[in-house]
Amino acid sequence: MAGRGSTGRRGAGADGKGAVASARRPEVRLPPLVAYAGEGLEPDGDYDGVRFEETELADASGPGARFMDCELRGCGLDRAELVRARFVDSVLTGVRGVGTDLSEASLRDVEIVDARLGGAQLHGAVLERVLVRGGKIDYLNLRRARLKDVVFEGCVLSEPDFGGAHLVRVEFRDCVLRRADLSAVRMESVDLRTVAELDIARGVERLAGAVISPSQLMELAPAFAAQIGVRVEA
């Protein structure tokens, strides 16, 4: 499964001053895979070229595990402990679960497709060249995470927490961003222009470094006014 390479995208300014740096998408090309025949996961386990097909990994304990050139398809991840796990050149399709713990994990060149997750813990995680396409993720915890070249596309993020995170070249394309917490977030070249629903619960003042559309500016105007103490009355 291959992603698309990066291309320059211009904003409103024809002179290039409004240019928005595009995220570099992952280019995942999986080799022939071997079906996983084990049970659960092992702490610091090493999984190379493995396909997890409909594998039930609820309550599995695999802190520090490494997944290289792997595919996880239709797997249950309820309460799976994957603290400091590493996913490289891998695809996760149709994974589901509540309370999956990926805190301080590392994801590089990873595609996450049609995930159904609730309360996923990725605080302190590092995401680089990651595509999250389709699906729905509730209460995603990305506090103090580092995201570089990450694309959220056609997905629903309900009450995501980006508190203290650092976002560089992150795109939210045709997705729903509902009740987002942007407290203390840092942004560089973050593209929000095509977000279908942009609802910021906290941290609207932290949008410096992001690009929004004129219609989004109008929708956010009351929040901006409140932030600087302006009263708007008819």
Foldseek 3Di string as FASTA:
>chain_A
DADDAWDKDADPDPVRPRTFGAFGAFGADADQADEDDDAAEDALAEAARYEDAQHERAPGEHANHEYHSYEYENYEQALYEHDQYEYESYEYEAYEYENREHDQHEYERYEYEQYHYENYHHDNHEYGNYEYEAHEYEAAEHDQYEYGRYEYYNYEYAAYEDANYEYANYEYAQYEDHQYACHNYAAASYEPAHHPHDHHNYDPVRCVRYDYDPVVCVVCVVVVCVVVPHDDDD
